[in-house]
Amino acid sequence: MVTNMAKKENNNKILEYLKSHSQATEDEIAKDLNINVVEVLDSLITMEKEGLLKSIPVPD
């Protein structure tokens, strides 16, 4: 279980990372930030719902 504080810290790290890696996949974010991919996905979904970021489809 990730605490709210850790989740907020992850969100901040992810937002900061995305400023310079706007096309990063969740796997790349997880690897580069050393955060579990499930936690990355959880953060991304939460932040997208809050309107902080927008996901873009990846071409095949």
PDB file of N, CA and C in Angstrom:
ATOM      1  N   MET A   1       0.838  -1.204   0.000  1.00  0.00           N
ATOM      2  CA  MET A   1       0.000   0.000   0.000  1.00  0.00           C
ATOM      3  C   MET A   1       0.875   1.258   0.000  1.00  0.00           C
ATOM      4  N   VAL A   2       0.626   2.119  -0.935  1.00  0.00           N
ATOM      5  CA  VAL A   2       1.391   3.360  -1.031  1.00  0.00           C
ATOM      6  C   VAL A   2       0.679   4.432  -0.221  1.00  0.00           C
ATOM      7  N   THR A   3       1.421   5.103   0.645  1.00  0.00           N
ATOM      8  CA  THR A   3       0.808   6.163   1.444  1.00  0.00           C
ATOM      9  C   THR A   3       0.482   7.357   0.557  1.00  0.00           C
ATOM     10  N   ASN A   4      -0.414   8.202   1.044  1.00  0.00           N
ATOM     11  CA  ASN A   4      -0.771   9.408   0.284  1.00  0.00           C
ATOM     12  C   ASN A   4       0.443  10.293   0.053  1.00  0.00           C
ATOM     13  N   MET A   5       1.319  10.348   1.054  1.00  0.00           N
ATOM     14  CA  MET A   5       2.506  11.189   0.939  1.00  0.00           C
ATOM     15  C   MET A   5       3.422  10.653  -0.166  1.00  0.00           C
ATOM     16  N   ALA A   6       3.630   9.337  -0.175  1.00  0.00           N
ATOM     17  CA  ALA A   6       4.475   8.725  -1.203  1.00  0.00           C
ATOM     18  C   ALA A   6       3.843   8.901  -2.575  1.00  0.00           C
ATOM     19  N   LYS A   7       2.518   8.776  -2.632  1.00  0.00           N
ATOM     20  CA  LYS A   7       1.825   8.930  -3.913  1.00  0.00           C
ATOM     21  C   LYS A   7       1.970  10.353  -4.430  1.00  0.00           C
ATOM     22  N   LYS A   8       1.839  11.332  -3.543  1.00  0.00           N
ATOM     23  CA  LYS A   8       1.998  12.731  -3.945  1.00  0.00           C
ATOM     24  C   LYS A   8       3.426  12.970  -4.432  1.00  0.00           C
ATOM     25  N   GLU A   9       4.386  12.370  -3.753  1.00  0.00           N
ATOM     26  CA  GLU A   9       5.787  12.492  -4.156  1.00  0.00           C
ATOM     27  C   GLU A   9       5.990  11.867  -5.537  1.00  0.00           C
ATOM     28  N   ASN A  10       5.400  10.694  -5.756  1.00  0.00           N
ATOM     29  CA  ASN A  10       5.467  10.048  -7.074  1.00  0.00           C
ATOM     30  C   ASN A  10       4.847  10.942  -8.131  1.00  0.00           C
ATOM     31  N   ASN A  11       3.673  11.493  -7.844  1.00  0.00           N
ATOM     32  CA  ASN A  11       2.988  12.368  -8.797  1.00  0.00           C
ATOM     33  C   ASN A  11       3.896  13.541  -9.186  1.00  0.00           C
ATOM     34  N   ASN A  12       4.533  14.143  -8.181  1.00  0.00           N
ATOM     35  CA  ASN A  12       5.410  15.284  -8.446  1.00  0.00           C
ATOM     36  C   ASN A  12       6.601  14.867  -9.304  1.00  0.00           C
ATOM     37  N   LYS A  13       7.202  13.719  -8.967  1.00  0.00           N
ATOM     38  CA  LYS A  13       8.340  13.219  -9.747  1.00  0.00           C
ATOM     39  C   LYS A  13       7.917  12.955 -11.196  1.00  0.00           C
ATOM     40  N   ILE A  14       6.750  12.343 -11.346  1.00  0.00           N
ATOM     41  CA  ILE A  14       6.253  12.005 -12.687  1.00  0.00           C
ATOM     42  C   ILE A  14       5.964  13.277 -13.487  1.00  0.00           C
ATOM     43  N   LEU A  15       5.301  14.243 -12.871  1.00  0.00           N
ATOM     44  CA  LEU A  15       5.003  15.501 -13.571  1.00  0.00           C
ATOM     45  C   LEU A  15       6.295  16.192 -13.995  1.00  0.00           C
ATOM     46  N   GLU A  16       7.281  16.211 -13.113  1.00  0.00           N
ATOM     47  CA  GLU A  16       8.570  16.835 -13.412  1.00  0.00           C
ATOM     48  C   GLU A  16       9.247  16.103 -14.568  1.00  0.00           C
ATOM     49  N   TYR A  17       9.221  14.786 -14.515  1.00  0.00           N
ATOM     50  CA  TYR A  17       9.818  13.949 -15.561  1.00  0.00           C
ATOM     51  C   TYR A  17       9.158  14.207 -16.913  1.00  0.00           C
ATOM     52  N   LEU A  18       7.830  14.316 -16.904  1.00  0.00           N
ATOM     53  CA  LEU A  18       7.087  14.488 -18.155  1.00  0.00           C
ATOM     54  C   LEU A  18       7.333  15.852 -18.809  1.00  0.00           C
ATOM     55  N   LYS A  19       7.812  16.819 -18.038  1.00  0.00           N
ATOM     56  CA  LYS A  19       8.126  18.129 -18.626  1.00  0.00           C
ATOM     57  C   LYS A  19       9.190  17.989 -19.702  1.00  0.00           C
ATOM     58  N   SER A  20      10.134  17.068 -19.497  1.00  0.00           N
ATOM     59  CA  SER A  20      11.199  16.901 -20.485  1.00  0.00           C
ATOM     60  C   SER A  20      11.086  15.586 -21.262  1.00  0.00           C
ATOM     61  N   HIS A  21      10.103  14.756 -20.904  1.00  0.00           N
ATOM     62  CA  HIS A  21       9.887  13.481 -21.609  1.00  0.00           C
ATOM     63  C   HIS A  21       8.392  13.312 -21.884  1.00  0.00           C
ATOM     64  N   SER A  22       7.824  14.266 -22.605  1.00  0.00           N
ATOM     65  CA  SER A  22       6.365  14.319 -22.753  1.00  0.00           C
ATOM     66  C   SER A  22       5.770  13.107 -23.457  1.00  0.00           C
ATOM     67  N   GLN A  23       6.583  12.353 -24.194  1.00  0.00           N
ATOM     68  CA  GLN A  23       6.046  11.196 -24.923  1.00  0.00           C
ATOM     69  C   GLN A  23       6.407   9.871 -24.253  1.00  0.00           C
ATOM     70  N   ALA A  24       6.879   9.925 -23.015  1.00  0.00           N
ATOM     71  CA  ALA A  24       7.311   8.708 -22.318  1.00  0.00           C
ATOM     72  C   ALA A  24       6.146   7.758 -22.069  1.00  0.00           C
ATOM     73  N   THR A  25       6.430   6.466 -22.140  1.00  0.00           N
ATOM     74  CA  THR A  25       5.420   5.456 -21.798  1.00  0.00           C
ATOM     75  C   THR A  25       5.470   5.215 -20.286  1.00  0.00           C
ATOM     76  N   GLU A  26       4.439   4.527 -19.773  1.00  0.00           N
ATOM     77  CA  GLU A  26       4.463   4.244 -18.336  1.00  0.00           C
ATOM     78  C   GLU A  26       5.660   3.373 -17.964  1.00  0.00           C
ATOM     79  N   ASP A  27       6.050   2.465 -18.852  1.00  0.00           N
ATOM     80  CA  ASP A  27       7.222   1.616 -18.589  1.00  0.00           C
ATOM     81  C   ASP A  27       8.508   2.447 -18.493  1.00  0.00           C
ATOM     82  N   GLU A  28       8.654   3.412 -19.391  1.00  0.00           N
ATOM     83  CA  GLU A  28       9.841   4.273 -19.367  1.00  0.00           C
ATOM     84  C   GLU A  28       9.872   5.121 -18.096  1.00  0.00           C
ATOM     85  N   ILE A  29       8.721   5.657 -17.720  1.00  0.00           N
ATOM     86  CA  ILE A  29       8.629   6.467 -16.505  1.00  0.00           C
ATOM     87  C   ILE A  29       9.024   5.610 -15.296  1.00  0.00           C
ATOM     88  N   ALA A  30       8.456   4.408 -15.217  1.00  0.00           N
ATOM     89  CA  ALA A  30       8.726   3.507 -14.090  1.00  0.00           C
ATOM     90  C   ALA A  30      10.219   3.182 -13.999  1.00  0.00           C
ATOM     91  N   LYS A  31      10.811   2.854 -15.146  1.00  0.00           N
ATOM     92  CA  LYS A  31      12.228   2.473 -15.180  1.00  0.00           C
ATOM     93  C   LYS A  31      13.118   3.661 -14.799  1.00  0.00           C
ATOM     94  N   ASP A  32      12.877   4.804 -15.413  1.00  0.00           N
ATOM     95  CA  ASP A  32      13.738   5.963 -15.177  1.00  0.00           C
ATOM     96  C   ASP A  32      13.605   6.533 -13.772  1.00  0.00           C
ATOM     97  N   LEU A  33      12.409   6.459 -13.198  1.00  0.00           N
ATOM     98  CA  LEU A  33      12.191   7.022 -11.865  1.00  0.00           C
ATOM     99  C   LEU A  33      12.276   5.966 -10.766  1.00  0.00           C
ATOM    100  N   ASN A  34      12.460   4.706 -11.176  1.00  0.00           N
ATOM    101  CA  ASN A  34      12.540   3.605 -10.217  1.00  0.00           C
ATOM    102  C   ASN A  34      11.280   3.530  -9.340  1.00  0.00           C
ATOM    103  N   ILE A  35      10.130   3.608 -10.008  1.00  0.00           N
ATOM    104  CA  ILE A  35       8.829   3.495  -9.344  1.00  0.00           C
ATOM    105  C   ILE A  35       8.114   2.303  -9.979  1.00  0.00           C
ATOM    106  N   ASN A  36       7.457   1.498  -9.180  1.00  0.00           N
ATOM    107  CA  ASN A  36       6.709   0.352  -9.698  1.00  0.00           C
ATOM    108  C   ASN A  36       5.721   0.820 -10.761  1.00  0.00           C
ATOM    109  N   VAL A  37       5.643   0.065 -11.872  1.00  0.00           N
ATOM    110  CA  VAL A  37       4.792   0.476 -13.003  1.00  0.00           C
ATOM    111  C   VAL A  37       3.316   0.576 -12.602  1.00  0.00           C
ATOM    112  N   VAL A  38       2.876  -0.258 -11.665  1.00  0.00           N
ATOM    113  CA  VAL A  38       1.483  -0.193 -11.198  1.00  0.00           C
ATOM    114  C   VAL A  38       1.235   1.146 -10.498  1.00  0.00           C
ATOM    115  N   GLU A  39       2.210   1.587  -9.711  1.00  0.00           N
ATOM    116  CA  GLU A  39       2.089   2.885  -9.028  1.00  0.00           C
ATOM    117  C   GLU A  39       2.124   4.032 -10.035  1.00  0.00           C
ATOM    118  N   VAL A  40       2.957   3.883 -11.070  1.00  0.00           N
ATOM    119  CA  VAL A  40       3.021   4.902 -12.129  1.00  0.00           C
ATOM    120  C   VAL A  40       1.659   5.014 -12.807  1.00  0.00           C
ATOM    121  N   LEU A  41       1.089   3.872 -13.183  1.00  0.00           N
ATOM    122  CA  LEU A  41      -0.233   3.874 -13.829  1.00  0.00           C
ATOM    123  C   LEU A  41      -1.284   4.507 -12.926  1.00  0.00           C
ATOM    124  N   ASP A  42      -1.267   4.157 -11.647  1.00  0.00           N
ATOM    125  CA  ASP A  42      -2.212   4.706 -10.680  1.00  0.00           C
ATOM    126  C   ASP A  42      -2.075   6.228 -10.623  1.00  0.00           C
ATOM    127  N   SER A  43      -0.845   6.699 -10.546  1.00  0.00           N
ATOM    128  CA  SER A  43      -0.603   8.146 -10.505  1.00  0.00           C
ATOM    129  C   SER A  43      -1.074   8.823 -11.789  1.00  0.00           C
ATOM    130  N   LEU A  44      -0.743   8.224 -12.927  1.00  0.00           N
ATOM    131  CA  LEU A  44      -1.132   8.817 -14.215  1.00  0.00           C
ATOM    132  C   LEU A  44      -2.646   8.918 -14.340  1.00  0.00           C
ATOM    133  N   ILE A  45      -3.345   7.857 -13.957  1.00  0.00           N
ATOM    134  CA  ILE A  45      -4.813   7.852 -14.035  1.00  0.00           C
ATOM    135  C   ILE A  45      -5.384   8.933 -13.125  1.00  0.00           C
ATOM    136  N   THR A  46      -4.872   9.006 -11.901  1.00  0.00           N
ATOM    137  CA  THR A  46      -5.339  10.019 -10.945  1.00  0.00           C
ATOM    138  C   THR A  46      -5.109  11.425 -11.479  1.00  0.00           C
ATOM    139  N   MET A  47      -3.899  11.670 -11.975  1.00  0.00           N
ATOM    140  CA  MET A  47      -3.570  13.021 -12.462  1.00  0.00           C
ATOM    141  C   MET A  47      -4.364  13.371 -13.720  1.00  0.00           C
ATOM    142  N   GLU A  48      -4.637  12.374 -14.543  1.00  0.00           N
ATOM    143  CA  GLU A  48      -5.450  12.647 -15.733  1.00  0.00           C
ATOM    144  C   GLU A  48      -6.876  13.020 -15.325  1.00  0.00           C
ATOM    145  N   LYS A  49      -7.430  12.303 -14.340  1.00  0.00           N
ATOM    146  CA  LYS A  49      -8.778  12.629 -13.844  1.00  0.00           C
ATOM    147  C   LYS A  49      -8.825  14.037 -13.268  1.00  0.00           C
ATOM    148  N   GLU A  50      -7.713  14.454 -12.643  1.00  0.00           N
ATOM    149  CA  GLU A  50      -7.645  15.791 -12.047  1.00  0.00           C
ATOM    150  C   GLU A  50      -7.335  16.870 -13.090  1.00  0.00           C
ATOM    151  N   GLY A  51      -7.095  16.451 -14.331  1.00  0.00           N
ATOM    152  CA  GLY A  51      -6.824  17.409 -15.393  1.00  0.00           C
ATOM    153  C   GLY A  51      -5.395  17.932 -15.413  1.00  0.00           C
ATOM    154  N   LEU A  52      -4.484  17.255 -14.693  1.00  0.00           N
ATOM    155  CA  LEU A  52      -3.092  17.711 -14.638  1.00  0.00           C
ATOM    156  C   LEU A  52      -2.305  17.278 -15.860  1.00  0.00           C
ATOM    157  N   LEU A  53      -2.744  16.205 -16.500  1.00  0.00           N
ATOM    158  CA  LEU A  53      -2.080  15.747 -17.716  1.00  0.00           C
ATOM    159  C   LEU A  53      -3.079  15.019 -18.590  1.00  0.00           C
ATOM    160  N   LYS A  54      -2.651  14.738 -19.808  1.00  0.00           N
ATOM    161  CA  LYS A  54      -3.529  14.081 -20.767  1.00  0.00           C
ATOM    162  C   LYS A  54      -2.736  12.969 -21.441  1.00  0.00           C
ATOM    163  N   SER A  55      -3.334  11.792 -21.474  1.00  0.00           N
ATOM    164  CA  SER A  55      -2.648  10.686 -22.139  1.00  0.00           C
ATOM    165  C   SER A  55      -2.826  10.816 -23.657  1.00  0.00           C
ATOM    166  N   ILE A  56      -1.848  10.332 -24.386  1.00  0.00           N
ATOM    167  CA  ILE A  56      -1.942  10.348 -25.849  1.00  0.00           C
ATOM    168  C   ILE A  56      -1.761   8.925 -26.348  1.00  0.00           C
ATOM    169  N   PRO A  57      -2.526   8.533 -27.365  1.00  0.00           N
ATOM    170  CA  PRO A  57      -2.387   7.171 -27.885  1.00  0.00           C
ATOM    171  C   PRO A  57      -1.020   6.970 -28.537  1.00  0.00           C
ATOM    172  N   VAL A  58      -0.472   5.797 -28.345  1.00  0.00           N
ATOM    173  CA  VAL A  58       0.827   5.475 -28.946  1.00  0.00           C
ATOM    174  C   VAL A  58       0.551   4.760 -30.262  1.00  0.00           C
ATOM    175  N   PRO A  59       1.145   5.262 -31.351  1.00  0.00           N
ATOM    176  CA  PRO A  59       0.942   4.567 -32.632  1.00  0.00           C
ATOM    177  C   PRO A  59       1.555   3.177 -32.595  1.00  0.00           C
ATOM    178  N   ASP A  60       0.943   2.239 -33.281  1.00  0.00           N
ATOM    179  CA  ASP A  60       1.447   0.864 -33.290  1.00  0.00           C
ATOM    180  C   ASP A  60       2.748   0.746 -34.054  1.00  0.00           C
TER     181      ASP A  60
END
